Amino acid sequence: MEHLNKILEKLYNKLGNDYLTKHFDVEPFEFKVNVRKSDYGDDELYNYIVEVYSTPDLPESFMYKGDKKNGIHISKLKHLFKEYIKYIDSSFGQFGKTIGVRFMNVQ
């Protein structure tokens, strides 16, 4: 899975940061990724978990550029990052909920 970690890191650092800096008043983040097989603990409903570490920590919500009232919750960003996985291998899309994305350091 080491190869998948590196590919997702590049994808998130490029596409994820492009999205974030285009829509929100934030500096680019440095993302590190660890993909692991789920141990099916109490809170894991997925076969694989994509753990995304960021520097600096991600905020719980992002405010749109120039708009102090409207923004998105980090759960929308999680969905977007999960969608990016399809760029690597379209078969991941067939699994639906078998791959989960978890942001590991959120402030």
N, C-alpha and C. Protein backbone atom coordinates (compact mmCIF):
# COMPACT_ATOMS: atom_id res chain seq x y z
N MET A 1 0.82 -1.20 0.00
CA MET A 1 0.00 0.00 0.00
C MET A 1 0.86 1.25 0.00
N GLU A 2 2.15 1.07 0.17
CA GLU A 2 3.05 2.22 0.18
C GLU A 2 2.93 3.02 -1.11
N HIS A 3 2.80 2.32 -2.23
CA HIS A 3 2.67 3.00 -3.53
C HIS A 3 1.39 3.83 -3.57
N LEU A 4 0.30 3.29 -3.07
CA LEU A 4 -0.98 4.01 -3.03
C LEU A 4 -0.88 5.23 -2.13
N ASN A 5 -0.17 5.11 -1.01
CA ASN A 5 0.03 6.25 -0.12
C ASN A 5 0.67 7.41 -0.87
N LYS A 6 1.73 7.13 -1.60
CA LYS A 6 2.47 8.18 -2.33
C LYS A 6 1.62 8.80 -3.43
N ILE A 7 0.86 7.98 -4.14
CA ILE A 7 0.01 8.51 -5.20
C ILE A 7 -1.06 9.42 -4.62
N LEU A 8 -1.70 8.99 -3.54
CA LEU A 8 -2.74 9.83 -2.92
C LEU A 8 -2.15 11.11 -2.34
N GLU A 9 -0.95 11.04 -1.77
CA GLU A 9 -0.30 12.25 -1.27
C GLU A 9 -0.14 13.26 -2.39
N LYS A 10 0.36 12.82 -3.54
CA LYS A 10 0.54 13.72 -4.67
C LYS A 10 -0.79 14.28 -5.15
N LEU A 11 -1.79 13.42 -5.22
CA LEU A 11 -3.12 13.84 -5.68
C LEU A 11 -3.73 14.87 -4.73
N TYR A 12 -3.68 14.60 -3.45
CA TYR A 12 -4.26 15.52 -2.47
C TYR A 12 -3.47 16.82 -2.38
N ASN A 13 -2.15 16.73 -2.47
CA ASN A 13 -1.34 17.94 -2.41
C ASN A 13 -1.55 18.82 -3.64
N LYS A 14 -1.87 18.21 -4.77
CA LYS A 14 -2.13 19.00 -6.00
C LYS A 14 -3.60 19.39 -6.09
N LEU A 15 -4.48 18.41 -6.31
CA LEU A 15 -5.90 18.72 -6.53
C LEU A 15 -6.58 19.27 -5.28
N GLY A 16 -6.29 18.67 -4.14
CA GLY A 16 -6.91 19.14 -2.90
C GLY A 16 -6.53 20.57 -2.59
N ASN A 17 -5.25 20.89 -2.70
CA ASN A 17 -4.80 22.25 -2.44
C ASN A 17 -5.28 23.23 -3.50
N ASP A 18 -5.34 22.79 -4.75
CA ASP A 18 -5.90 23.66 -5.80
C ASP A 18 -7.33 24.06 -5.46
N TYR A 19 -8.13 23.09 -5.04
CA TYR A 19 -9.52 23.36 -4.67
C TYR A 19 -9.58 24.29 -3.46
N LEU A 20 -8.81 23.99 -2.43
CA LEU A 20 -8.86 24.78 -1.21
C LEU A 20 -8.41 26.22 -1.43
N THR A 21 -7.30 26.41 -2.12
CA THR A 21 -6.78 27.77 -2.29
C THR A 21 -7.61 28.57 -3.29
N LYS A 22 -8.29 27.91 -4.20
CA LYS A 22 -9.15 28.61 -5.17
C LYS A 22 -10.43 29.12 -4.51
N HIS A 23 -11.00 28.34 -3.61
CA HIS A 23 -12.31 28.68 -3.04
C HIS A 23 -12.26 29.32 -1.65
N PHE A 24 -11.19 29.10 -0.93
CA PHE A 24 -11.13 29.55 0.46
C PHE A 24 -9.87 30.36 0.71
N ASP A 25 -9.90 31.18 1.71
CA ASP A 25 -8.77 32.03 2.03
C ASP A 25 -7.81 31.27 2.96
N VAL A 26 -7.12 30.29 2.38
CA VAL A 26 -6.17 29.45 3.12
C VAL A 26 -4.89 29.29 2.32
N GLU A 27 -3.82 29.00 3.03
CA GLU A 27 -2.55 28.66 2.41
C GLU A 27 -2.59 27.16 2.10
N PRO A 28 -1.77 26.69 1.15
CA PRO A 28 -1.75 25.25 0.87
C PRO A 28 -1.34 24.44 2.11
N PHE A 29 -1.89 23.26 2.19
CA PHE A 29 -1.57 22.32 3.26
C PHE A 29 -0.57 21.30 2.73
N GLU A 30 0.17 20.69 3.62
CA GLU A 30 1.00 19.55 3.25
C GLU A 30 0.28 18.31 3.75
N PHE A 31 -0.09 17.44 2.83
CA PHE A 31 -0.82 16.23 3.17
C PHE A 31 0.11 15.02 3.13
N LYS A 32 -0.01 14.19 4.15
CA LYS A 32 0.64 12.87 4.19
C LYS A 32 -0.48 11.85 4.32
N VAL A 33 -0.35 10.74 3.63
CA VAL A 33 -1.44 9.76 3.56
C VAL A 33 -0.96 8.39 3.99
N ASN A 34 -1.82 7.71 4.72
CA ASN A 34 -1.60 6.32 5.10
C ASN A 34 -2.89 5.55 4.80
N VAL A 35 -2.80 4.58 3.91
CA VAL A 35 -3.95 3.73 3.59
C VAL A 35 -3.76 2.43 4.35
N ARG A 36 -4.79 2.03 5.06
CA ARG A 36 -4.69 0.78 5.82
C ARG A 36 -5.98 -0.02 5.68
N LYS A 37 -5.83 -1.31 5.85
CA LYS A 37 -7.00 -2.20 5.87
C LYS A 37 -7.69 -1.99 7.21
N SER A 38 -8.99 -1.93 7.18
CA SER A 38 -9.77 -1.68 8.39
C SER A 38 -9.70 -2.87 9.33
N ASP A 39 -9.69 -2.55 10.62
CA ASP A 39 -9.78 -3.62 11.61
C ASP A 39 -11.23 -3.81 12.07
N TYR A 40 -12.14 -3.07 11.42
CA TYR A 40 -13.58 -3.14 11.70
C TYR A 40 -13.89 -2.91 13.18
N GLY A 41 -13.25 -1.89 13.73
CA GLY A 41 -13.57 -1.49 15.10
C GLY A 41 -14.98 -0.90 15.15
N ASP A 42 -15.34 -0.39 16.28
CA ASP A 42 -16.69 0.12 16.49
C ASP A 42 -17.10 1.20 15.50
N ASP A 43 -16.16 2.06 15.11
CA ASP A 43 -16.51 3.19 14.25
C ASP A 43 -16.08 3.02 12.80
N GLU A 44 -15.67 1.84 12.40
CA GLU A 44 -15.20 1.64 11.04
C GLU A 44 -16.15 0.76 10.25
N LEU A 45 -16.71 1.36 9.22
CA LEU A 45 -17.66 0.65 8.36
C LEU A 45 -17.05 0.34 7.00
N TYR A 46 -15.77 0.58 6.85
CA TYR A 46 -15.10 0.48 5.56
C TYR A 46 -14.10 -0.66 5.53
N ASN A 47 -13.78 -1.14 4.33
CA ASN A 47 -12.74 -2.15 4.16
C ASN A 47 -11.36 -1.53 4.26
N TYR A 48 -11.22 -0.29 3.75
CA TYR A 48 -9.96 0.42 3.78
C TYR A 48 -10.19 1.83 4.30
N ILE A 49 -9.23 2.33 5.05
CA ILE A 49 -9.29 3.68 5.59
C ILE A 49 -8.12 4.47 5.02
N VAL A 50 -8.42 5.63 4.44
CA VAL A 50 -7.40 6.56 3.97
C VAL A 50 -7.24 7.60 5.07
N GLU A 51 -6.14 7.53 5.79
CA GLU A 51 -5.86 8.47 6.87
C GLU A 51 -5.06 9.63 6.29
N VAL A 52 -5.61 10.84 6.41
CA VAL A 52 -4.98 12.03 5.84
C VAL A 52 -4.48 12.91 6.97
N TYR A 53 -3.17 13.08 7.04
CA TYR A 53 -2.53 13.95 8.02
C TYR A 53 -2.21 15.27 7.31
N SER A 54 -2.37 16.38 8.00
CA SER A 54 -2.10 17.67 7.36
C SER A 54 -1.24 18.56 8.23
N THR A 55 -0.46 19.38 7.57
CA THR A 55 0.30 20.43 8.23
C THR A 55 -0.03 21.71 7.49
N PRO A 56 -0.60 22.69 8.16
CA PRO A 56 -1.06 22.70 9.54
C PRO A 56 -2.34 21.87 9.69
N ASP A 57 -2.87 21.80 10.91
CA ASP A 57 -4.13 21.10 11.15
C ASP A 57 -5.24 21.73 10.32
N LEU A 58 -6.17 20.91 9.87
CA LEU A 58 -7.32 21.40 9.11
C LEU A 58 -8.36 21.99 10.07
N PRO A 59 -9.01 23.09 9.67
CA PRO A 59 -10.10 23.61 10.48
C PRO A 59 -11.36 22.76 10.28
N GLU A 60 -12.30 22.84 11.19
CA GLU A 60 -13.55 22.07 11.05
C GLU A 60 -14.43 22.62 9.94
N SER A 61 -14.24 23.89 9.58
CA SER A 61 -15.01 24.47 8.47
C SER A 61 -14.14 25.49 7.75
N PHE A 62 -14.48 25.72 6.50
CA PHE A 62 -13.77 26.66 5.64
C PHE A 62 -14.75 27.71 5.17
N MET A 63 -14.36 28.98 5.29
CA MET A 63 -15.21 30.07 4.82
C MET A 63 -14.79 30.44 3.40
N TYR A 64 -15.79 30.63 2.51
CA TYR A 64 -15.51 31.00 1.13
C TYR A 64 -14.79 32.34 1.07
N LYS A 65 -13.93 32.51 0.08
CA LYS A 65 -13.20 33.76 -0.10
C LYS A 65 -14.19 34.91 -0.20
N GLY A 66 -13.94 35.96 0.54
CA GLY A 66 -14.77 37.16 0.48
C GLY A 66 -16.14 37.01 1.10
N ASP A 67 -16.44 35.89 1.72
CA ASP A 67 -17.77 35.65 2.30
C ASP A 67 -17.58 35.16 3.74
N LYS A 68 -17.86 36.02 4.69
CA LYS A 68 -17.63 35.69 6.10
C LYS A 68 -18.80 34.91 6.72
N LYS A 69 -19.87 34.67 5.95
CA LYS A 69 -21.04 33.99 6.49
C LYS A 69 -21.23 32.57 5.96
N ASN A 70 -20.69 32.28 4.78
CA ASN A 70 -20.94 30.98 4.16
C ASN A 70 -19.65 30.21 3.95
N GLY A 71 -19.74 28.92 4.12
CA GLY A 71 -18.59 28.06 3.93
C GLY A 71 -19.01 26.61 3.86
N ILE A 72 -18.04 25.71 4.08
CA ILE A 72 -18.34 24.28 4.07
C ILE A 72 -17.77 23.65 5.33
N HIS A 73 -18.41 22.60 5.76
CA HIS A 73 -17.92 21.80 6.88
C HIS A 73 -16.89 20.82 6.32
N ILE A 74 -15.99 20.38 7.16
CA ILE A 74 -14.92 19.48 6.73
C ILE A 74 -15.47 18.16 6.15
N SER A 75 -16.69 17.79 6.51
CA SER A 75 -17.28 16.57 5.96
C SER A 75 -17.44 16.66 4.44
N LYS A 76 -17.69 17.86 3.92
CA LYS A 76 -17.77 18.03 2.46
C LYS A 76 -16.40 17.84 1.83
N LEU A 77 -15.36 18.31 2.51
CA LEU A 77 -14.01 18.13 2.02
C LEU A 77 -13.64 16.64 2.03
N LYS A 78 -14.08 15.93 3.04
CA LYS A 78 -13.84 14.49 3.14
C LYS A 78 -14.47 13.78 1.94
N HIS A 79 -15.67 14.17 1.58
CA HIS A 79 -16.35 13.57 0.42
C HIS A 79 -15.57 13.87 -0.86
N LEU A 80 -15.09 15.10 -1.02
CA LEU A 80 -14.32 15.47 -2.20
C LEU A 80 -13.04 14.65 -2.29
N PHE A 81 -12.33 14.49 -1.17
CA PHE A 81 -11.10 13.72 -1.18
C PHE A 81 -11.39 12.24 -1.51
N LYS A 82 -12.51 11.74 -1.07
CA LYS A 82 -12.89 10.37 -1.40
C LYS A 82 -13.14 10.24 -2.90
N GLU A 83 -13.76 11.25 -3.49
CA GLU A 83 -14.02 11.24 -4.94
C GLU A 83 -12.73 11.24 -5.74
N TYR A 84 -11.69 11.88 -5.24
CA TYR A 84 -10.41 11.93 -5.94
C TYR A 84 -9.80 10.55 -6.12
N ILE A 85 -10.14 9.61 -5.28
CA ILE A 85 -9.58 8.26 -5.38
C ILE A 85 -9.94 7.63 -6.72
N LYS A 86 -11.04 8.01 -7.30
CA LYS A 86 -11.45 7.46 -8.60
C LYS A 86 -10.47 7.83 -9.71
N TYR A 87 -9.70 8.92 -9.52
CA TYR A 87 -8.71 9.29 -10.52
C TYR A 87 -7.57 8.28 -10.60
N ILE A 88 -7.35 7.57 -9.53
CA ILE A 88 -6.28 6.58 -9.49
C ILE A 88 -6.72 5.28 -10.12
N ASP A 89 -7.91 4.82 -9.74
CA ASP A 89 -8.43 3.54 -10.22
C ASP A 89 -9.94 3.62 -10.18
N SER A 90 -10.54 3.62 -11.32
CA SER A 90 -12.00 3.78 -11.39
C SER A 90 -12.74 2.65 -10.69
N SER A 91 -12.09 1.52 -10.46
CA SER A 91 -12.77 0.41 -9.79
C SER A 91 -13.08 0.75 -8.34
N PHE A 92 -12.36 1.71 -7.74
CA PHE A 92 -12.67 2.10 -6.37
C PHE A 92 -14.10 2.62 -6.27
N GLY A 93 -14.58 3.27 -7.31
CA GLY A 93 -15.94 3.79 -7.31
C GLY A 93 -16.99 2.69 -7.20
N GLN A 94 -16.66 1.49 -7.65
CA GLN A 94 -17.60 0.38 -7.58
C GLN A 94 -17.79 -0.12 -6.15
N PHE A 95 -16.82 0.14 -5.31
CA PHE A 95 -16.89 -0.35 -3.94
C PHE A 95 -17.76 0.53 -3.05
N GLY A 96 -18.05 1.75 -3.50
CA GLY A 96 -18.91 2.63 -2.72
C GLY A 96 -18.35 2.93 -1.35
N LYS A 97 -18.98 2.37 -0.33
CA LYS A 97 -18.60 2.71 1.04
C LYS A 97 -17.49 1.84 1.60
N THR A 98 -16.77 1.10 0.77
CA THR A 98 -15.72 0.25 1.32
C THR A 98 -14.42 1.01 1.55
N ILE A 99 -14.34 2.26 1.08
CA ILE A 99 -13.16 3.09 1.33
C ILE A 99 -13.61 4.34 2.06
N GLY A 100 -13.02 4.60 3.20
CA GLY A 100 -13.35 5.79 3.96
C GLY A 100 -12.16 6.71 4.05
N VAL A 101 -12.42 8.02 4.11
CA VAL A 101 -11.38 9.01 4.29
C VAL A 101 -11.54 9.59 5.69
N ARG A 102 -10.43 9.66 6.40
CA ARG A 102 -10.46 10.22 7.75
C ARG A 102 -9.35 11.25 7.88
N PHE A 103 -9.73 12.49 8.20
CA PHE A 103 -8.74 13.53 8.48
C PHE A 103 -8.28 13.33 9.92
N MET A 104 -6.98 13.19 10.08
CA MET A 104 -6.44 12.77 11.37
C MET A 104 -6.16 13.93 12.32
N ASN A 105 -5.85 15.11 11.80
CA ASN A 105 -5.60 16.23 12.70
C ASN A 105 -6.45 17.42 12.27
N VAL A 106 -7.51 17.62 13.02
CA VAL A 106 -8.47 18.69 12.78
C VAL A 106 -8.52 19.54 14.05
N GLN A 107 -8.45 20.85 13.86
CA GLN A 107 -8.52 21.71 15.03
C GLN A 107 -9.92 22.17 15.32
